[in-house]
Amino acid sequence: MNQLQRTAIISGVLGQDGYYLAELLHTKKYNIVGLATNLNSHAAQKRRVEQPFLKLIECNIENQESIAYLLELERPTEFYNLAGKSFVGDSWKNAKTVAQVNGMAVLGVLDEILKYQQQHGREIKFYQASSSELFGLTNSAPQSELSSFHPNSPYGVAKAFAHHLTVNYRDSYGLFACCGILYNHESPRREPKFVTRKVTQAVARIALGRQKKLVLGNLDIERDWGFAGDYVDAMWRMLQLNKPTDFVVATGVKHSVAELCQVAFDHVGISKWQDYVTHDMAYSRPVDATDLVGDPRRAQELLGWKAQMKFEDLIKNMVRHDLDMETRNLE
């Protein structure tokens, strides 16, 4: 390997963000190592085909000894921690697991990076995937890097713990560690259990006559939705700074679930989307964040970053993808 070539480790590489980040780093000539908990899974096998440049290694992010061995083996220049339980709605049912994976595991990674740097004198730049769920029941909007945290889910609480740990290791030990407070970001690679993909997949099936109704929770909930491919670019830009700091990454515009439905159904020629959507309280969370919309001005000023894809284009792209997938399944 070229001695000047940078090596990046991506934990959680099999997820949506991991795919787009790996694609981005490949264009920038990185040596890319992706961590997966099961190399025999369908997701891992599929990724080998899609991204043959990616070196997949079986590693549990919770296993600190494995992380230590991995750092010695790969000698990375950057470490992107995207691993974690990402579905907020499930976190009430699996609070202990979420706390361990999204919180305590980050402590182990930071510890091993610190030990590695102290032993070898080589810097590893660290990115921590924080979340807009840190703000939770916020009393101000839009939220910036200076806004107070009020997480209102086990997921948000675990993310807040990991966020504060990352800042603490930066302040206490001088680690180059950045937190990206990313607002909701979607793509055709989003899992169907997330509301955006649940809607676009159902719309495709309804348009093709394969499904009659779409059942959702609160249609009035609003979120700041962007494109995952744009957001991973912000991650990379953070680790290229001369001095580490944290950023809100968002579009600055919020949309309701009802608007999401309208755009998706309109794209397949169905104007009266309400005829196909029903509400069920079982799909609502015990407590839901109220007014989450990010202020991306700092990212624009210091990173030169701005969300490129508009909400309407994002949803239309996802609908087209799901129409294509459903059509193939009919053949």
Protein backbone atom coordinates (compact mmCIF):
# COMPACT_ATOMS: atom_id res chain seq x y z
CA MET A 1 0.00 0.00 0.00
CA ASN A 2 1.16 3.54 -0.78
CA GLN A 3 2.56 5.05 2.42
CA LEU A 4 0.71 8.29 1.68
CA GLN A 5 -2.63 6.55 1.30
CA ARG A 6 -5.03 7.22 4.13
CA THR A 7 -6.82 4.37 5.87
CA ALA A 8 -10.31 4.78 7.28
CA ILE A 9 -12.18 2.39 9.53
CA ILE A 10 -15.97 2.55 9.32
CA SER A 11 -17.93 0.80 12.05
CA GLY A 12 -21.53 0.11 11.10
CA VAL A 13 -20.44 0.01 7.46
CA LEU A 14 -23.36 -2.19 6.38
CA GLY A 15 -25.86 0.53 7.15
CA GLN A 16 -27.14 3.30 4.90
CA ASP A 17 -24.50 5.85 5.95
CA GLY A 18 -21.74 3.27 5.77
CA TYR A 19 -22.52 2.62 2.12
CA TYR A 20 -22.43 6.27 1.08
CA LEU A 21 -19.38 7.07 3.19
CA ALA A 22 -17.46 4.14 1.71
CA GLU A 23 -18.37 5.34 -1.79
CA LEU A 24 -17.15 8.84 -0.96
CA LEU A 25 -13.87 7.69 0.59
CA HIS A 26 -13.23 5.41 -2.37
CA THR A 27 -13.38 8.40 -4.72
CA LYS A 28 -10.78 10.05 -2.48
CA LYS A 29 -8.41 7.05 -2.77
CA TYR A 30 -8.69 5.83 0.82
CA ASN A 31 -7.93 2.34 1.98
CA ILE A 32 -11.31 1.47 3.54
CA VAL A 33 -11.91 -1.08 6.30
CA GLY A 34 -15.50 -1.82 7.23
CA LEU A 35 -16.58 -3.49 10.47
CA ALA A 36 -19.45 -5.96 10.52
CA THR A 37 -20.71 -8.26 13.25
CA ASN A 38 -21.43 -11.13 10.84
CA LEU A 39 -19.52 -11.57 7.59
CA ASN A 40 -21.85 -14.39 6.52
CA SER A 41 -24.96 -12.21 6.59
CA HIS A 42 -26.85 -11.39 3.41
CA ALA A 43 -26.02 -7.70 3.90
CA ALA A 44 -22.29 -8.46 4.08
CA GLN A 45 -22.36 -10.71 1.03
CA LYS A 46 -24.30 -8.10 -0.95
CA ARG A 47 -21.88 -5.37 0.04
CA ARG A 48 -18.91 -7.42 -1.17
CA VAL A 49 -20.48 -7.40 -4.61
CA GLU A 50 -21.48 -3.73 -4.56
CA GLN A 51 -18.23 -2.42 -3.12
CA PRO A 52 -15.37 -4.83 -3.94
CA PHE A 53 -12.88 -2.17 -2.83
CA LEU A 54 -14.13 -2.46 0.75
CA LYS A 55 -12.19 -4.67 3.17
CA LEU A 56 -14.75 -6.22 5.52
CA ILE A 57 -13.61 -7.40 8.95
CA GLU A 58 -15.77 -9.17 11.52
CA CYS A 59 -15.62 -7.09 14.68
CA ASN A 60 -18.08 -6.33 17.45
CA ILE A 61 -17.79 -2.67 18.43
CA GLU A 62 -18.52 -3.65 22.04
CA ASN A 63 -15.41 -5.84 22.23
CA GLN A 64 -12.61 -3.52 23.34
CA GLU A 65 -9.88 -6.11 22.81
CA SER A 66 -11.01 -6.54 19.21
CA ILE A 67 -10.84 -2.79 18.67
CA ALA A 68 -7.30 -2.69 20.10
CA TYR A 69 -6.20 -5.52 17.79
CA LEU A 70 -7.86 -3.85 14.81
CA LEU A 71 -6.03 -0.55 15.37
CA GLU A 72 -2.69 -2.34 15.52
CA LEU A 73 -3.52 -4.35 12.41
CA GLU A 74 -4.84 -1.58 10.17
CA ARG A 75 -3.12 1.54 11.59
CA PRO A 76 -5.96 3.85 10.49
CA THR A 77 -5.71 7.59 10.03
CA GLU A 78 -9.46 8.07 10.51
CA PHE A 79 -12.16 6.19 12.42
CA TYR A 80 -15.83 6.80 11.64
CA ASN A 81 -18.10 5.37 14.33
CA LEU A 82 -21.45 4.78 12.64
CA ALA A 83 -22.27 1.61 14.57
CA GLY A 84 -25.30 1.46 16.81
CA LYS A 85 -28.95 0.65 17.17
CA SER A 86 -30.44 3.28 14.89
CA PHE A 87 -34.22 2.86 15.13
CA VAL A 88 -35.43 5.27 17.82
CA GLY A 89 -38.86 3.66 18.13
CA ASP A 90 -37.39 0.33 19.27
CA SER A 91 -35.15 1.85 21.93
CA TRP A 92 -37.81 1.76 24.66
CA LYS A 93 -38.08 -2.01 24.25
CA ASN A 94 -34.30 -2.56 24.16
CA ALA A 95 -32.99 0.21 26.39
CA LYS A 96 -30.13 -1.82 27.89
CA THR A 97 -28.82 -2.94 24.52
CA VAL A 98 -29.11 0.57 23.10
CA ALA A 99 -27.24 2.00 26.11
CA GLN A 100 -24.44 -0.53 25.64
CA VAL A 101 -24.02 -0.28 21.86
CA ASN A 102 -24.75 3.43 21.37
CA GLY A 103 -23.13 4.56 24.60
CA MET A 104 -20.66 2.36 26.45
CA ALA A 105 -19.11 0.89 23.31
CA VAL A 106 -18.00 4.39 22.30
CA LEU A 107 -16.06 4.66 25.56
CA GLY A 108 -14.15 1.51 24.64
CA VAL A 109 -13.27 2.83 21.18
CA LEU A 110 -12.08 6.17 22.55
CA ASP A 111 -9.97 4.40 25.17
CA GLU A 112 -8.24 2.25 22.57
CA ILE A 113 -7.61 5.18 20.23
CA LEU A 114 -6.04 7.07 23.12
CA LYS A 115 -3.83 4.11 24.07
CA TYR A 116 -2.78 3.62 20.46
CA GLN A 117 -1.79 7.26 20.06
CA GLN A 118 0.13 7.30 23.34
CA GLN A 119 2.03 4.17 22.35
CA HIS A 120 2.77 4.99 18.70
CA GLY A 121 2.60 8.77 18.55
CA ARG A 122 0.32 8.52 15.51
CA GLU A 123 -2.96 10.42 15.38
CA ILE A 124 -6.27 8.76 14.58
CA LYS A 125 -9.00 11.25 13.78
CA PHE A 126 -12.33 10.12 15.24
CA TYR A 127 -15.87 10.86 14.08
CA GLN A 128 -18.82 10.14 16.36
CA ALA A 129 -22.31 9.86 14.89
CA SER A 130 -24.42 12.05 17.15
CA SER A 131 -28.08 12.72 16.44
CA SER A 132 -30.76 15.40 16.48
CA GLU A 133 -32.48 13.17 19.06
CA LEU A 134 -30.06 14.76 21.54
CA PHE A 135 -32.34 17.81 21.53
CA GLY A 136 -35.53 15.80 22.07
CA LEU A 137 -38.13 17.94 23.84
CA THR A 138 -36.41 21.14 22.87
CA ASN A 139 -37.80 24.54 23.81
CA SER A 140 -36.10 26.40 20.98
CA ALA A 141 -35.90 26.11 17.21
CA PRO A 142 -33.89 25.86 15.10
CA GLN A 143 -31.26 24.02 17.13
CA SER A 144 -27.58 24.90 16.83
CA GLU A 145 -24.36 23.59 18.38
CA LEU A 146 -25.13 25.78 21.41
CA SER A 147 -28.65 24.47 22.02
CA SER A 148 -29.36 22.48 25.19
CA PHE A 149 -29.86 18.73 25.08
CA HIS A 150 -33.19 17.29 26.26
CA PRO A 151 -33.19 13.68 24.96
CA ASN A 152 -36.53 11.97 25.42
CA SER A 153 -35.81 8.40 24.32
CA PRO A 154 -33.34 5.73 25.43
CA TYR A 155 -31.72 6.18 22.02
CA GLY A 156 -31.29 9.91 22.56
CA VAL A 157 -29.95 9.44 26.09
CA ALA A 158 -27.34 6.90 24.91
CA LYS A 159 -26.32 9.20 22.06
CA ALA A 160 -25.97 12.10 24.52
CA PHE A 161 -23.67 9.98 26.70
CA ALA A 162 -21.49 9.11 23.70
CA HIS A 163 -21.48 12.73 22.53
CA HIS A 164 -20.31 14.04 25.90
CA LEU A 165 -17.67 11.29 26.12
CA THR A 166 -16.27 12.29 22.74
CA VAL A 167 -16.09 15.95 23.73
CA ASN A 168 -14.52 14.97 27.06
CA TYR A 169 -11.76 12.92 25.41
CA ARG A 170 -11.08 15.79 23.04
CA ASP A 171 -10.84 18.30 25.88
CA SER A 172 -9.03 16.05 28.36
CA TYR A 173 -6.57 14.20 26.14
CA GLY A 174 -6.35 16.29 22.98
CA LEU A 175 -7.86 13.64 20.71
CA PHE A 176 -8.92 14.83 17.29
CA ALA A 177 -12.56 13.90 17.85
CA CYS A 178 -15.63 15.42 16.20
CA CYS A 179 -19.35 14.85 16.70
CA GLY A 180 -21.73 15.28 13.82
CA ILE A 181 -25.21 16.10 15.12
CA LEU A 182 -27.01 14.83 12.06
CA TYR A 183 -30.69 15.37 11.52
CA ASN A 184 -32.83 12.77 9.77
CA HIS A 185 -31.16 11.70 6.54
CA GLU A 186 -32.68 9.22 4.15
CA SER A 187 -32.06 7.37 0.90
CA PRO A 188 -33.28 4.37 -1.09
CA ARG A 189 -31.00 2.36 1.22
CA ARG A 190 -32.99 3.26 4.32
CA GLU A 191 -34.60 0.25 6.04
CA PRO A 192 -38.39 -0.05 5.55
CA LYS A 193 -39.06 0.26 9.28
CA PHE A 194 -38.16 3.96 9.06
CA VAL A 195 -41.13 6.13 8.16
CA THR A 196 -39.70 7.61 4.95
CA ARG A 197 -38.95 4.23 3.39
CA LYS A 198 -42.11 2.71 4.85
CA VAL A 199 -44.10 5.36 2.98
CA THR A 200 -42.23 5.17 -0.33
CA GLN A 201 -42.30 1.37 -0.38
CA ALA A 202 -46.03 1.30 0.39
CA VAL A 203 -46.75 3.95 -2.27
CA ALA A 204 -44.94 1.85 -4.87
CA ARG A 205 -46.94 -1.22 -3.89
CA ILE A 206 -50.24 0.68 -3.87
CA ALA A 207 -49.49 2.13 -7.32
CA LEU A 208 -48.88 -1.40 -8.62
CA GLY A 209 -51.99 -2.82 -6.94
CA ARG A 210 -50.04 -4.94 -4.46
CA GLN A 211 -51.13 -3.13 -1.30
CA LYS A 212 -54.35 -1.35 -0.32
CA LYS A 213 -53.55 0.70 2.79
CA LEU A 214 -50.65 2.35 4.59
CA VAL A 215 -50.86 2.44 8.38
CA LEU A 216 -48.90 5.19 10.16
CA GLY A 217 -48.61 6.87 13.54
CA ASN A 218 -48.77 10.63 14.09
CA LEU A 219 -49.04 12.38 10.71
CA ASP A 220 -48.35 15.80 12.23
CA ILE A 221 -44.84 14.96 13.44
CA GLU A 222 -42.29 17.15 11.66
CA ARG A 223 -38.67 16.42 10.89
CA ASP A 224 -35.73 18.02 9.11
CA TRP A 225 -35.08 15.45 6.36
CA GLY A 226 -32.05 15.38 4.04
CA PHE A 227 -30.17 12.98 1.77
CA ALA A 228 -27.69 10.58 3.36
CA GLY A 229 -25.27 10.98 0.46
CA ASP A 230 -24.97 14.69 1.25
CA TYR A 231 -24.53 14.13 4.96
CA VAL A 232 -21.58 11.73 4.78
CA ASP A 233 -19.70 14.46 2.93
CA ALA A 234 -20.07 16.61 6.05
CA MET A 235 -18.63 13.77 8.15
CA TRP A 236 -15.54 13.61 5.98
CA ARG A 237 -15.11 17.39 5.95
CA MET A 238 -15.10 17.46 9.77
CA LEU A 239 -12.05 15.23 9.91
CA GLN A 240 -10.18 17.40 7.40
CA LEU A 241 -10.24 20.46 9.68
CA ASN A 242 -7.11 21.71 11.42
CA LYS A 243 -8.94 21.77 14.75
CA PRO A 244 -11.67 19.34 15.86
CA THR A 245 -15.11 20.59 16.79
CA ASP A 246 -18.78 19.60 16.52
CA PHE A 247 -21.39 20.46 13.91
CA VAL A 248 -25.12 20.40 13.36
CA VAL A 249 -25.76 18.88 9.93
CA ALA A 250 -29.23 19.64 8.60
CA THR A 251 -31.23 21.26 5.81
CA GLY A 252 -32.78 23.88 8.08
CA VAL A 253 -36.27 23.05 6.75
CA LYS A 254 -38.82 20.75 8.36
CA HIS A 255 -41.65 18.74 6.83
CA SER A 256 -44.48 16.71 8.35
CA VAL A 257 -45.24 13.04 7.78
CA ALA A 258 -48.39 14.23 6.01
CA GLU A 259 -46.23 16.23 3.57
CA LEU A 260 -44.07 13.16 3.06
CA CYS A 261 -47.18 11.19 2.09
CA GLN A 262 -48.41 13.91 -0.23
CA VAL A 263 -45.13 14.13 -2.18
CA ALA A 264 -44.82 10.35 -2.45
CA PHE A 265 -48.41 9.71 -3.59
CA ASP A 266 -48.38 12.68 -5.97
CA HIS A 267 -45.36 11.18 -7.69
CA VAL A 268 -47.38 8.11 -8.71
CA GLY A 269 -50.42 10.17 -9.74
CA ILE A 270 -52.53 9.72 -6.60
CA SER A 271 -53.77 13.12 -5.42
CA LYS A 272 -56.09 11.98 -2.61
CA TRP A 273 -53.48 10.21 -0.49
CA GLN A 274 -55.75 10.35 2.57
CA ASP A 275 -57.88 7.62 0.98
CA TYR A 276 -54.99 5.19 1.37
CA VAL A 277 -53.51 6.19 4.75
CA THR A 278 -54.88 5.21 8.14
CA HIS A 279 -53.75 6.18 11.64
CA ASP A 280 -52.95 3.74 14.43
CA MET A 281 -51.74 4.85 17.87
CA ALA A 282 -49.76 1.62 18.14
CA TYR A 283 -47.25 3.17 15.73
CA SER A 284 -46.75 6.26 17.90
CA ARG A 285 -43.88 6.53 20.38
CA PRO A 286 -44.37 6.91 24.15
CA VAL A 287 -42.88 10.41 23.83
CA ASP A 288 -41.93 12.11 20.59
CA ALA A 289 -39.54 14.96 19.91
CA THR A 290 -41.51 18.08 19.10
CA ASP A 291 -39.78 20.70 16.99
CA LEU A 292 -36.59 19.27 15.53
CA VAL A 293 -35.08 21.47 12.85
CA GLY A 294 -31.38 22.19 12.57
CA ASP A 295 -29.40 25.38 12.03
CA PRO A 296 -26.66 24.41 9.52
CA ARG A 297 -24.98 27.82 9.32
CA ARG A 298 -21.84 26.77 11.19
CA ALA A 299 -21.34 23.80 8.86
CA GLN A 300 -21.83 26.10 5.91
CA GLU A 301 -19.31 28.63 7.21
CA LEU A 302 -16.54 26.35 8.53
CA LEU A 303 -16.97 23.23 6.40
CA GLY A 304 -18.22 24.80 3.20
CA TRP A 305 -21.05 22.26 3.36
CA LYS A 306 -24.66 22.62 2.35
CA ALA A 307 -27.40 20.05 1.74
CA GLN A 308 -27.73 19.62 -2.02
CA MET A 309 -30.81 17.44 -2.50
CA LYS A 310 -34.21 18.95 -1.77
CA PHE A 311 -36.82 17.08 0.26
CA GLU A 312 -39.18 16.61 -2.68
CA ASP A 313 -36.44 15.22 -4.91
CA LEU A 314 -35.30 12.86 -2.17
CA ILE A 315 -38.75 11.36 -1.69
CA LYS A 316 -39.35 11.09 -5.44
CA ASN A 317 -36.03 9.28 -5.86
CA MET A 318 -36.99 6.85 -3.12
CA VAL A 319 -40.40 6.21 -4.71
CA ARG A 320 -38.78 5.55 -8.11
CA HIS A 321 -36.34 3.13 -6.50
CA ASP A 322 -39.15 1.23 -4.79
CA LEU A 323 -41.25 1.16 -7.96
CA ASP A 324 -38.29 -0.39 -9.75
CA MET A 325 -37.77 -2.92 -6.97
CA GLU A 326 -41.44 -3.90 -6.87
CA THR A 327 -41.63 -4.16 -10.65
CA ARG A 328 -38.66 -6.51 -10.66
CA ASN A 329 -40.34 -8.65 -8.03
CA LEU A 330 -43.38 -8.98 -10.31
CA GLU A 331 -41.32 -10.29 -13.21
